[in-house]
Every structure is written in C-alpha cells, then in structure tokens.
Amino acid sequence: LSGTDILDTIDSEATGTLKDCYTTLVRCAKNPQLYFARRLNAAMKGLGTDEDTLVRIIVGHSEFDLETVKDMYLEKYDVTLKDALDSECGGDFKRLLIEILH
C-alpha cells in the first residue's frame, strides 16, 4: 500500500529476535521454495553441517515441491543441490539424501 517493501520496513522498524521472526515469516510467505533453498545452503555453510535441517527440508518436501526447491537452489547459488550435498555430506547419509533428490 505505501510503496515500501515489507522487508525494508521490518529492517528499519524491528530489532533482535522479533526482526528475525518477521523476516523469516515474510520470506517464507513470499517465496517458500527460495526460503527453503536458503535454509539448505545455511545448513551446509561454514564448519560442520546441520544434518537435522537437511533431513527436515529434503524429506519434508520430497513429496510436493522438492523439484522447485532444487531449481531455486541452482538459481540462487549456481550449483546443484546434489553437488552441494555431495561436497558437504558423506557416507550413507549423503547417499540417502541424494537418492531422495531423484
């Protein structure tokens, strides 16, 4: 209505945990598949891998929109989700996640 993006307003008006919650809600509502692609990337970034997040997202979305999440991941990070998992995970865990992707 005001011509201002809601994320810009949240950024300028809220702080701390409340800001994080509002930002998460808006990003998920605006483009859920991109939101989950970002979450997958964050789970594999830096030292260690957040395996619980990988399982929740990949298994939880395998039935209905995982293909779109994979497309968003490639578009956002210029690498396939399969290749990212291949480089960040290992063993049976990696094989299981990659099998679910197909």
PDB file of N, CA and C in Angstrom:
ATOM      1  N   LEU A   1       0.801  -1.201   0.000  1.00  0.00           N
ATOM      2  CA  LEU A   1       0.000   0.000   0.000  1.00  0.00           C
ATOM      3  C   LEU A   1       0.841   1.262   0.000  1.00  0.00           C
ATOM      4  N   SER A   2       1.869   1.285   0.828  1.00  0.00           N
ATOM      5  CA  SER A   2       2.669   2.503   0.957  1.00  0.00           C
ATOM      6  C   SER A   2       3.786   2.589  -0.071  1.00  0.00           C
ATOM      7  N   GLY A   3       3.999   1.538  -0.855  1.00  0.00           N
ATOM      8  CA  GLY A   3       5.075   1.540  -1.833  1.00  0.00           C
ATOM      9  C   GLY A   3       6.407   1.100  -1.256  1.00  0.00           C
ATOM     10  N   THR A   4       6.440   0.799   0.038  1.00  0.00           N
ATOM     11  CA  THR A   4       7.655   0.356   0.702  1.00  0.00           C
ATOM     12  C   THR A   4       7.616  -1.163   0.842  1.00  0.00           C
ATOM     13  N   ASP A   5       8.722  -1.816   0.524  1.00  0.00           N
ATOM     14  CA  ASP A   5       8.798  -3.258   0.679  1.00  0.00           C
ATOM     15  C   ASP A   5       8.700  -3.612   2.157  1.00  0.00           C
ATOM     16  N   ILE A   6       7.940  -4.635   2.458  1.00  0.00           N
ATOM     17  CA  ILE A   6       7.728  -5.016   3.848  1.00  0.00           C
ATOM     18  C   ILE A   6       9.035  -5.419   4.534  1.00  0.00           C
ATOM     19  N   LEU A   7       9.953  -6.047   3.798  1.00  0.00           N
ATOM     20  CA  LEU A   7      11.237  -6.420   4.396  1.00  0.00           C
ATOM     21  C   LEU A   7      12.059  -5.188   4.760  1.00  0.00           C
ATOM     22  N   ASP A   8      11.976  -4.133   3.949  1.00  0.00           N
ATOM     23  CA  ASP A   8      12.667  -2.885   4.281  1.00  0.00           C
ATOM     24  C   ASP A   8      12.083  -2.270   5.545  1.00  0.00           C
ATOM     25  N   THR A   9      10.768  -2.321   5.668  1.00  0.00           N
ATOM     26  CA  THR A   9      10.111  -1.781   6.853  1.00  0.00           C
ATOM     27  C   THR A   9      10.497  -2.574   8.092  1.00  0.00           C
ATOM     28  N   ILE A  10      10.490  -3.891   7.987  1.00  0.00           N
ATOM     29  CA  ILE A  10      10.906  -4.728   9.117  1.00  0.00           C
ATOM     30  C   ILE A  10      12.338  -4.409   9.502  1.00  0.00           C
ATOM     31  N   ASP A  11      13.207  -4.267   8.505  1.00  0.00           N
ATOM     32  CA  ASP A  11      14.617  -3.968   8.753  1.00  0.00           C
ATOM     33  C   ASP A  11      14.798  -2.654   9.500  1.00  0.00           C
ATOM     34  N   SER A  12      13.997  -1.658   9.160  1.00  0.00           N
ATOM     35  CA  SER A  12      14.161  -0.346   9.791  1.00  0.00           C
ATOM     36  C   SER A  12      13.392  -0.193  11.102  1.00  0.00           C
ATOM     37  N   GLU A  13      12.358  -1.006  11.304  1.00  0.00           N
ATOM     38  CA  GLU A  13      11.497  -0.802  12.468  1.00  0.00           C
ATOM     39  C   GLU A  13      11.654  -1.835  13.580  1.00  0.00           C
ATOM     40  N   ALA A  14      12.153  -3.000  13.271  1.00  0.00           N
ATOM     41  CA  ALA A  14      12.247  -4.061  14.276  1.00  0.00           C
ATOM     42  C   ALA A  14      13.709  -4.385  14.559  1.00  0.00           C
ATOM     43  N   THR A  15      13.945  -5.025  15.693  1.00  0.00           N
ATOM     44  CA  THR A  15      15.304  -5.424  16.066  1.00  0.00           C
ATOM     45  C   THR A  15      15.273  -6.814  16.699  1.00  0.00           C
ATOM     46  N   GLY A  16      16.441  -7.397  16.778  1.00  0.00           N
ATOM     47  CA  GLY A  16      16.620  -8.642  17.509  1.00  0.00           C
ATOM     48  C   GLY A  16      15.804  -9.808  17.010  1.00  0.00           C
ATOM     49  N   THR A  17      15.331 -10.588  17.960  1.00  0.00           N
ATOM     50  CA  THR A  17      14.583 -11.802  17.653  1.00  0.00           C
ATOM     51  C   THR A  17      13.285 -11.505  16.914  1.00  0.00           C
ATOM     52  N   LEU A  18      12.611 -10.429  17.300  1.00  0.00           N
ATOM     53  CA  LEU A  18      11.368 -10.059  16.628  1.00  0.00           C
ATOM     54  C   LEU A  18      11.622  -9.777  15.149  1.00  0.00           C
ATOM     55  N   LYS A  19      12.703  -9.062  14.856  1.00  0.00           N
ATOM     56  CA  LYS A  19      13.076  -8.776  13.465  1.00  0.00           C
ATOM     57  C   LYS A  19      13.340 -10.077  12.710  1.00  0.00           C
ATOM     58  N   ASP A  20      14.085 -10.988  13.325  1.00  0.00           N
ATOM     59  CA  ASP A  20      14.382 -12.275  12.695  1.00  0.00           C
ATOM     60  C   ASP A  20      13.108 -13.072  12.414  1.00  0.00           C
ATOM     61  N   CYS A  21      12.188 -13.080  13.371  1.00  0.00           N
ATOM     62  CA  CYS A  21      10.924 -13.811  13.192  1.00  0.00           C
ATOM     63  C   CYS A  21      10.099 -13.222  12.059  1.00  0.00           C
ATOM     64  N   TYR A  22       9.933 -11.905  12.060  1.00  0.00           N
ATOM     65  CA  TYR A  22       9.159 -11.254  10.998  1.00  0.00           C
ATOM     66  C   TYR A  22       9.789 -11.491   9.626  1.00  0.00           C
ATOM     67  N   THR A  23      11.101 -11.362   9.556  1.00  0.00           N
ATOM     68  CA  THR A  23      11.805 -11.556   8.286  1.00  0.00           C
ATOM     69  C   THR A  23      11.607 -12.983   7.774  1.00  0.00           C
ATOM     70  N   THR A  24      11.734 -13.947   8.656  1.00  0.00           N
ATOM     71  CA  THR A  24      11.536 -15.346   8.281  1.00  0.00           C
ATOM     72  C   THR A  24      10.121 -15.591   7.781  1.00  0.00           C
ATOM     73  N   LEU A  25       9.139 -15.072   8.501  1.00  0.00           N
ATOM     74  CA  LEU A  25       7.739 -15.248   8.091  1.00  0.00           C
ATOM     75  C   LEU A  25       7.470 -14.661   6.711  1.00  0.00           C
ATOM     76  N   VAL A  26       7.965 -13.463   6.476  1.00  0.00           N
ATOM     77  CA  VAL A  26       7.713 -12.797   5.193  1.00  0.00           C
ATOM     78  C   VAL A  26       8.421 -13.520   4.059  1.00  0.00           C
ATOM     79  N   ARG A  27       9.687 -13.894   4.267  1.00  0.00           N
ATOM     80  CA  ARG A  27      10.421 -14.604   3.205  1.00  0.00           C
ATOM     81  C   ARG A  27       9.761 -15.930   2.866  1.00  0.00           C
ATOM     82  N   CYS A  28       9.311 -16.640   3.882  1.00  0.00           N
ATOM     83  CA  CYS A  28       8.658 -17.927   3.641  1.00  0.00           C
ATOM     84  C   CYS A  28       7.321 -17.731   2.935  1.00  0.00           C
ATOM     85  N   ALA A  29       6.594 -16.698   3.302  1.00  0.00           N
ATOM     86  CA  ALA A  29       5.293 -16.443   2.665  1.00  0.00           C
ATOM     87  C   ALA A  29       5.450 -15.974   1.218  1.00  0.00           C
ATOM     88  N   LYS A  30       6.470 -15.147   0.954  1.00  0.00           N
ATOM     89  CA  LYS A  30       6.657 -14.598  -0.393  1.00  0.00           C
ATOM     90  C   LYS A  30       7.127 -15.650  -1.394  1.00  0.00           C
ATOM     91  N   ASN A  31       8.063 -16.489  -0.974  1.00  0.00           N
ATOM     92  CA  ASN A  31       8.623 -17.488  -1.884  1.00  0.00           C
ATOM     93  C   ASN A  31       9.138 -18.667  -1.053  1.00  0.00           C
ATOM     94  N   PRO A  32       8.251 -19.594  -0.692  1.00  0.00           N
ATOM     95  CA  PRO A  32       8.660 -20.688   0.190  1.00  0.00           C
ATOM     96  C   PRO A  32       9.815 -21.529  -0.347  1.00  0.00           C
ATOM     97  N   GLN A  33       9.826 -21.779  -1.657  1.00  0.00           N
ATOM     98  CA  GLN A  33      10.889 -22.625  -2.201  1.00  0.00           C
ATOM     99  C   GLN A  33      12.254 -21.940  -2.105  1.00  0.00           C
ATOM    100  N   LEU A  34      12.309 -20.640  -2.341  1.00  0.00           N
ATOM    101  CA  LEU A  34      13.567 -19.908  -2.179  1.00  0.00           C
ATOM    102  C   LEU A  34      13.977 -19.880  -0.714  1.00  0.00           C
ATOM    103  N   TYR A  35      13.012 -19.701   0.175  1.00  0.00           N
ATOM    104  CA  TYR A  35      13.297 -19.722   1.612  1.00  0.00           C
ATOM    105  C   TYR A  35      13.965 -21.043   1.990  1.00  0.00           C
ATOM    106  N   PHE A  36      13.414 -22.159   1.526  1.00  0.00           N
ATOM    107  CA  PHE A  36      13.989 -23.459   1.878  1.00  0.00           C
ATOM    108  C   PHE A  36      15.327 -23.700   1.181  1.00  0.00           C
ATOM    109  N   ALA A  37      15.526 -23.175  -0.004  1.00  0.00           N
ATOM    110  CA  ALA A  37      16.838 -23.256  -0.657  1.00  0.00           C
ATOM    111  C   ALA A  37      17.882 -22.518   0.185  1.00  0.00           C
ATOM    112  N   ARG A  38      17.508 -21.359   0.697  1.00  0.00           N
ATOM    113  CA  ARG A  38      18.429 -20.603   1.570  1.00  0.00           C
ATOM    114  C   ARG A  38      18.728 -21.366   2.850  1.00  0.00           C
ATOM    115  N   ARG A  39      17.713 -21.996   3.419  1.00  0.00           N
ATOM    116  CA  ARG A  39      17.911 -22.772   4.642  1.00  0.00           C
ATOM    117  C   ARG A  39      18.851 -23.953   4.396  1.00  0.00           C
ATOM    118  N   LEU A  40      18.689 -24.616   3.256  1.00  0.00           N
ATOM    119  CA  LEU A  40      19.585 -25.722   2.915  1.00  0.00           C
ATOM    120  C   LEU A  40      21.018 -25.239   2.789  1.00  0.00           C
ATOM    121  N   ASN A  41      21.203 -24.105   2.126  1.00  0.00           N
ATOM    122  CA  ASN A  41      22.542 -23.556   1.968  1.00  0.00           C
ATOM    123  C   ASN A  41      23.149 -23.204   3.322  1.00  0.00           C
ATOM    124  N   ALA A  42      22.362 -22.581   4.177  1.00  0.00           N
ATOM    125  CA  ALA A  42      22.856 -22.215   5.511  1.00  0.00           C
ATOM    126  C   ALA A  42      23.225 -23.454   6.321  1.00  0.00           C
ATOM    127  N   ALA A  43      22.503 -24.547   6.133  1.00  0.00           N
ATOM    128  CA  ALA A  43      22.780 -25.785   6.860  1.00  0.00           C
ATOM    129  C   ALA A  43      24.114 -26.405   6.452  1.00  0.00           C
ATOM    130  N   MET A  44      24.592 -26.068   5.255  1.00  0.00           N
ATOM    131  CA  MET A  44      25.848 -26.643   4.763  1.00  0.00           C
ATOM    132  C   MET A  44      27.002 -25.652   4.796  1.00  0.00           C
ATOM    133  N   LYS A  45      26.755 -24.437   5.224  1.00  0.00           N
ATOM    134  CA  LYS A  45      27.753 -23.378   5.195  1.00  0.00           C
ATOM    135  C   LYS A  45      28.652 -23.445   6.432  1.00  0.00           C
ATOM    136  N   GLY A  46      29.909 -23.078   6.252  1.00  0.00           N
ATOM    137  CA  GLY A  46      30.818 -22.993   7.384  1.00  0.00           C
ATOM    138  C   GLY A  46      31.250 -24.354   7.899  1.00  0.00           C
ATOM    139  N   LEU A  47      31.740 -24.353   9.135  1.00  0.00           N
ATOM    140  CA  LEU A  47      32.212 -25.592   9.745  1.00  0.00           C
ATOM    141  C   LEU A  47      31.034 -26.461  10.152  1.00  0.00           C
ATOM    142  N   GLY A  48      31.116 -27.716   9.818  1.00  0.00           N
ATOM    143  CA  GLY A  48      30.053 -28.641  10.181  1.00  0.00           C
ATOM    144  C   GLY A  48      28.832 -28.499   9.298  1.00  0.00           C
ATOM    145  N   THR A  49      27.973 -29.469   9.386  1.00  0.00           N
ATOM    146  CA  THR A  49      26.748 -29.490   8.598  1.00  0.00           C
ATOM    147  C   THR A  49      25.586 -29.744   9.542  1.00  0.00           C
ATOM    148  N   ASP A  50      24.545 -28.958   9.401  1.00  0.00           N
ATOM    149  CA  ASP A  50      23.339 -29.136  10.208  1.00  0.00           C
ATOM    150  C   ASP A  50      22.496 -30.229   9.555  1.00  0.00           C
ATOM    151  N   GLU A  51      22.800 -31.461   9.904  1.00  0.00           N
ATOM    152  CA  GLU A  51      22.152 -32.612   9.276  1.00  0.00           C
ATOM    153  C   GLU A  51      20.659 -32.657   9.565  1.00  0.00           C
ATOM    154  N   ASP A  52      20.245 -32.238  10.758  1.00  0.00           N
ATOM    155  CA  ASP A  52      18.816 -32.242  11.094  1.00  0.00           C
ATOM    156  C   ASP A  52      18.024 -31.352  10.145  1.00  0.00           C
ATOM    157  N   THR A  53      18.558 -30.176   9.847  1.00  0.00           N
ATOM    158  CA  THR A  53      17.875 -29.264   8.926  1.00  0.00           C
ATOM    159  C   THR A  53      17.812 -29.859   7.527  1.00  0.00           C
ATOM    160  N   LEU A  54      18.893 -30.460   7.077  1.00  0.00           N
ATOM    161  CA  LEU A  54      18.892 -31.095   5.755  1.00  0.00           C
ATOM    162  C   LEU A  54      17.805 -32.163   5.666  1.00  0.00           C
ATOM    163  N   VAL A  55      17.727 -33.010   6.670  1.00  0.00           N
ATOM    164  CA  VAL A  55      16.728 -34.079   6.668  1.00  0.00           C
ATOM    165  C   VAL A  55      15.321 -33.495   6.699  1.00  0.00           C
ATOM    166  N   ARG A  56      15.077 -32.547   7.603  1.00  0.00           N
ATOM    167  CA  ARG A  56      13.734 -31.956   7.713  1.00  0.00           C
ATOM    168  C   ARG A  56      13.261 -31.375   6.392  1.00  0.00           C
ATOM    169  N   ILE A  57      14.130 -30.631   5.726  1.00  0.00           N
ATOM    170  CA  ILE A  57      13.711 -29.963   4.491  1.00  0.00           C
ATOM    171  C   ILE A  57      13.610 -30.949   3.331  1.00  0.00           C
ATOM    172  N   ILE A  58      14.632 -31.758   3.133  1.00  0.00           N
ATOM    173  CA  ILE A  58      14.636 -32.660   1.974  1.00  0.00           C
ATOM    174  C   ILE A  58      13.544 -33.720   2.094  1.00  0.00           C
ATOM    175  N   VAL A  59      13.433 -34.350   3.239  1.00  0.00           N
ATOM    176  CA  VAL A  59      12.397 -35.369   3.413  1.00  0.00           C
ATOM    177  C   VAL A  59      11.017 -34.719   3.457  1.00  0.00           C
ATOM    178  N   GLY A  60      10.909 -33.611   4.158  1.00  0.00           N
ATOM    179  CA  GLY A  60       9.619 -32.946   4.300  1.00  0.00           C
ATOM    180  C   GLY A  60       9.055 -32.382   3.009  1.00  0.00           C
ATOM    181  N   HIS A  61       9.920 -32.096   2.054  1.00  0.00           N
ATOM    182  CA  HIS A  61       9.464 -31.510   0.791  1.00  0.00           C
ATOM    183  C   HIS A  61       9.553 -32.485  -0.381  1.00  0.00           C
ATOM    184  N   SER A  62       9.963 -33.710  -0.099  1.00  0.00           N
ATOM    185  CA  SER A  62      10.184 -34.660  -1.191  1.00  0.00           C
ATOM    186  C   SER A  62       8.905 -35.022  -1.939  1.00  0.00           C
ATOM    187  N   GLU A  63       7.781 -34.890  -1.305  1.00  0.00           N
ATOM    188  CA  GLU A  63       6.524 -35.294  -1.936  1.00  0.00           C
ATOM    189  C   GLU A  63       5.884 -34.211  -2.789  1.00  0.00           C
ATOM    190  N   PHE A  64       6.168 -32.945  -2.507  1.00  0.00           N
ATOM    191  CA  PHE A  64       5.379 -31.934  -3.212  1.00  0.00           C
ATOM    192  C   PHE A  64       6.138 -30.813  -3.890  1.00  0.00           C
ATOM    193  N   ASP A  65       7.239 -30.337  -3.382  1.00  0.00           N
ATOM    194  CA  ASP A  65       7.881 -29.207  -4.063  1.00  0.00           C
ATOM    195  C   ASP A  65       9.403 -29.245  -4.059  1.00  0.00           C
ATOM    196  N   LEU A  66       9.975 -30.410  -3.852  1.00  0.00           N
ATOM    197  CA  LEU A  66      11.433 -30.509  -3.815  1.00  0.00           C
ATOM    198  C   LEU A  66      12.062 -30.124  -5.150  1.00  0.00           C
ATOM    199  N   GLU A  67      11.401 -30.440  -6.251  1.00  0.00           N
ATOM    200  CA  GLU A  67      11.944 -30.066  -7.562  1.00  0.00           C
ATOM    201  C   GLU A  67      12.098 -28.548  -7.676  1.00  0.00           C
ATOM    202  N   THR A  68      11.117 -27.817  -7.200  1.00  0.00           N
ATOM    203  CA  THR A  68      11.192 -26.356  -7.255  1.00  0.00           C
ATOM    204  C   THR A  68      12.258 -25.835  -6.306  1.00  0.00           C
ATOM    205  N   VAL A  69      12.386 -26.442  -5.130  1.00  0.00           N
ATOM    206  CA  VAL A  69      13.446 -26.054  -4.194  1.00  0.00           C
ATOM    207  C   VAL A  69      14.808 -26.284  -4.845  1.00  0.00           C
ATOM    208  N   LYS A  70      14.979 -27.412  -5.531  1.00  0.00           N
ATOM    209  CA  LYS A  70      16.239 -27.696  -6.230  1.00  0.00           C
ATOM    210  C   LYS A  70      16.517 -26.648  -7.305  1.00  0.00           C
ATOM    211  N   ASP A  71      15.494 -26.275  -8.046  1.00  0.00           N
ATOM    212  CA  ASP A  71      15.653 -25.241  -9.078  1.00  0.00           C
ATOM    213  C   ASP A  71      16.054 -23.903  -8.463  1.00  0.00           C
ATOM    214  N   MET A  72      15.417 -23.542  -7.365  1.00  0.00           N
ATOM    215  CA  MET A  72      15.738 -22.284  -6.680  1.00  0.00           C
ATOM    216  C   MET A  72      17.169 -22.308  -6.151  1.00  0.00           C
ATOM    217  N   TYR A  73      17.592 -23.468  -5.637  1.00  0.00           N
ATOM    218  CA  TYR A  73      18.950 -23.597  -5.117  1.00  0.00           C
ATOM    219  C   TYR A  73      19.963 -23.338  -6.226  1.00  0.00           C
ATOM    220  N   LEU A  74      19.748 -23.972  -7.366  1.00  0.00           N
ATOM    221  CA  LEU A  74      20.650 -23.787  -8.507  1.00  0.00           C
ATOM    222  C   LEU A  74      20.663 -22.330  -8.957  1.00  0.00           C
ATOM    223  N   GLU A  75      19.499 -21.724  -9.046  1.00  0.00           N
ATOM    224  CA  GLU A  75      19.404 -20.326  -9.479  1.00  0.00           C
ATOM    225  C   GLU A  75      20.104 -19.384  -8.503  1.00  0.00           C
ATOM    226  N   LYS A  76      19.939 -19.629  -7.213  1.00  0.00           N
ATOM    227  CA  LYS A  76      20.492 -18.732  -6.185  1.00  0.00           C
ATOM    228  C   LYS A  76      21.994 -18.940  -5.983  1.00  0.00           C
ATOM    229  N   TYR A  77      22.460 -20.190  -5.999  1.00  0.00           N
ATOM    230  CA  TYR A  77      23.846 -20.481  -5.617  1.00  0.00           C
ATOM    231  C   TYR A  77      24.716 -20.989  -6.765  1.00  0.00           C
ATOM    232  N   ASP A  78      24.166 -21.126  -7.953  1.00  0.00           N
ATOM    233  CA  ASP A  78      24.914 -21.526  -9.143  1.00  0.00           C
ATOM    234  C   ASP A  78      25.615 -22.879  -8.981  1.00  0.00           C
ATOM    235  N   VAL A  79      25.025 -23.744  -8.196  1.00  0.00           N
ATOM    236  CA  VAL A  79      25.491 -25.120  -8.024  1.00  0.00           C
ATOM    237  C   VAL A  79      24.241 -25.957  -7.740  1.00  0.00           C
ATOM    238  N   THR A  80      24.240 -27.190  -8.217  1.00  0.00           N
ATOM    239  CA  THR A  80      23.067 -28.021  -7.946  1.00  0.00           C
ATOM    240  C   THR A  80      23.046 -28.421  -6.473  1.00  0.00           C
ATOM    241  N   LEU A  81      21.864 -28.671  -5.962  1.00  0.00           N
ATOM    242  CA  LEU A  81      21.736 -29.141  -4.586  1.00  0.00           C
ATOM    243  C   LEU A  81      22.448 -30.479  -4.426  1.00  0.00           C
ATOM    244  N   LYS A  82      22.368 -31.331  -5.434  1.00  0.00           N
ATOM    245  CA  LYS A  82      23.063 -32.621  -5.395  1.00  0.00           C
ATOM    246  C   LYS A  82      24.565 -32.424  -5.229  1.00  0.00           C
ATOM    247  N   ASP A  83      25.159 -31.512  -6.004  1.00  0.00           N
ATOM    248  CA  ASP A  83      26.597 -31.260  -5.902  1.00  0.00           C
ATOM    249  C   ASP A  83      26.968 -30.665  -4.544  1.00  0.00           C
ATOM    250  N   ALA A  84      26.115 -29.795  -4.021  1.00  0.00           N
ATOM    251  CA  ALA A  84      26.372 -29.215  -2.701  1.00  0.00           C
ATOM    252  C   ALA A  84      26.345 -30.303  -1.631  1.00  0.00           C
ATOM    253  N   LEU A  85      25.349 -31.166  -1.684  1.00  0.00           N
ATOM    254  CA  LEU A  85      25.268 -32.273  -0.725  1.00  0.00           C
ATOM    255  C   LEU A  85      26.453 -33.214  -0.884  1.00  0.00           C
ATOM    256  N   ASP A  86      26.845 -33.471  -2.122  1.00  0.00           N
ATOM    257  CA  ASP A  86      27.971 -34.357  -2.400  1.00  0.00           C
ATOM    258  C   ASP A  86      29.262 -33.842  -1.767  1.00  0.00           C
ATOM    259  N   SER A  87      29.442 -32.526  -1.758  1.00  0.00           N
ATOM    260  CA  SER A  87      30.675 -31.968  -1.198  1.00  0.00           C
ATOM    261  C   SER A  87      30.602 -31.748   0.312  1.00  0.00           C
ATOM    262  N   GLU A  88      29.410 -31.678   0.880  1.00  0.00           N
ATOM    263  CA  GLU A  88      29.275 -31.354   2.301  1.00  0.00           C
ATOM    264  C   GLU A  88      28.919 -32.538   3.192  1.00  0.00           C
ATOM    265  N   CYS A  89      28.411 -33.601   2.611  1.00  0.00           N
ATOM    266  CA  CYS A  89      27.975 -34.757   3.396  1.00  0.00           C
ATOM    267  C   CYS A  89      28.787 -35.978   2.997  1.00  0.00           C
ATOM    268  N   GLY A  90      28.668 -37.026   3.760  1.00  0.00           N
ATOM    269  CA  GLY A  90      29.411 -38.227   3.436  1.00  0.00           C
ATOM    270  C   GLY A  90      28.654 -39.497   3.762  1.00  0.00           C
ATOM    271  N   GLY A  91      29.192 -40.595   3.275  1.00  0.00           N
ATOM    272  CA  GLY A  91      28.713 -41.924   3.621  1.00  0.00           C
ATOM    273  C   GLY A  91      27.274 -42.207   3.247  1.00  0.00           C
ATOM    274  N   ASP A  92      26.657 -43.056   4.076  1.00  0.00           N
ATOM    275  CA  ASP A  92      25.276 -43.457   3.837  1.00  0.00           C
ATOM    276  C   ASP A  92      24.320 -42.273   3.917  1.00  0.00           C
ATOM    277  N   PHE A  93      24.627 -41.311   4.788  1.00  0.00           N
ATOM    278  CA  PHE A  93      23.775 -40.126   4.917  1.00  0.00           C
ATOM    279  C   PHE A  93      23.703 -39.378   3.586  1.00  0.00           C
ATOM    280  N   LYS A  94      24.856 -39.170   2.973  1.00  0.00           N
ATOM    281  CA  LYS A  94      24.898 -38.491   1.674  1.00  0.00           C
ATOM    282  C   LYS A  94      24.136 -39.292   0.624  1.00  0.00           C
ATOM    283  N   ARG A  95      24.372 -40.581   0.570  1.00  0.00           N
ATOM    284  CA  ARG A  95      23.690 -41.420  -0.424  1.00  0.00           C
ATOM    285  C   ARG A  95      22.173 -41.382  -0.248  1.00  0.00           C
ATOM    286  N   LEU A  96      21.717 -41.382   0.987  1.00  0.00           N
ATOM    287  CA  LEU A  96      20.282 -41.328   1.256  1.00  0.00           C
ATOM    288  C   LEU A  96      19.680 -40.011   0.774  1.00  0.00           C
ATOM    289  N   LEU A  97      20.303 -38.884   1.128  1.00  0.00           N
ATOM    290  CA  LEU A  97      19.771 -37.583   0.713  1.00  0.00           C
ATOM    291  C   LEU A  97      19.769 -37.438  -0.804  1.00  0.00           C
ATOM    292  N   ILE A  98      20.839 -37.864  -1.442  1.00  0.00           N
ATOM    293  CA  ILE A  98      20.914 -37.753  -2.904  1.00  0.00           C
ATOM    294  C   ILE A  98      19.872 -38.661  -3.563  1.00  0.00           C
ATOM    295  N   GLU A  99      19.634 -39.818  -2.994  1.00  0.00           N
ATOM    296  CA  GLU A  99      18.600 -40.708  -3.535  1.00  0.00           C
ATOM    297  C   GLU A  99      17.216 -40.071  -3.415  1.00  0.00           C
ATOM    298  N   ILE A 100      16.950 -39.401  -2.323  1.00  0.00           N
ATOM    299  CA  ILE A 100      15.659 -38.725  -2.144  1.00  0.00           C
ATOM    300  C   ILE A 100      15.495 -37.604  -3.167  1.00  0.00           C
ATOM    301  N   LEU A 101      16.589 -36.951  -3.546  1.00  0.00           N
ATOM    302  CA  LEU A 101      16.520 -35.867  -4.530  1.00  0.00           C
ATOM    303  C   LEU A 101      16.024 -36.353  -5.882  1.00  0.00           C
ATOM    304  N   HIS A 102      16.224 -37.614  -6.193  1.00  0.00           N
ATOM    305  CA  HIS A 102      15.843 -38.143  -7.515  1.00  0.00           C
ATOM    306  C   HIS A 102      14.472 -38.604  -7.499  1.00  0.00           C
TER     307      HIS A 102
END
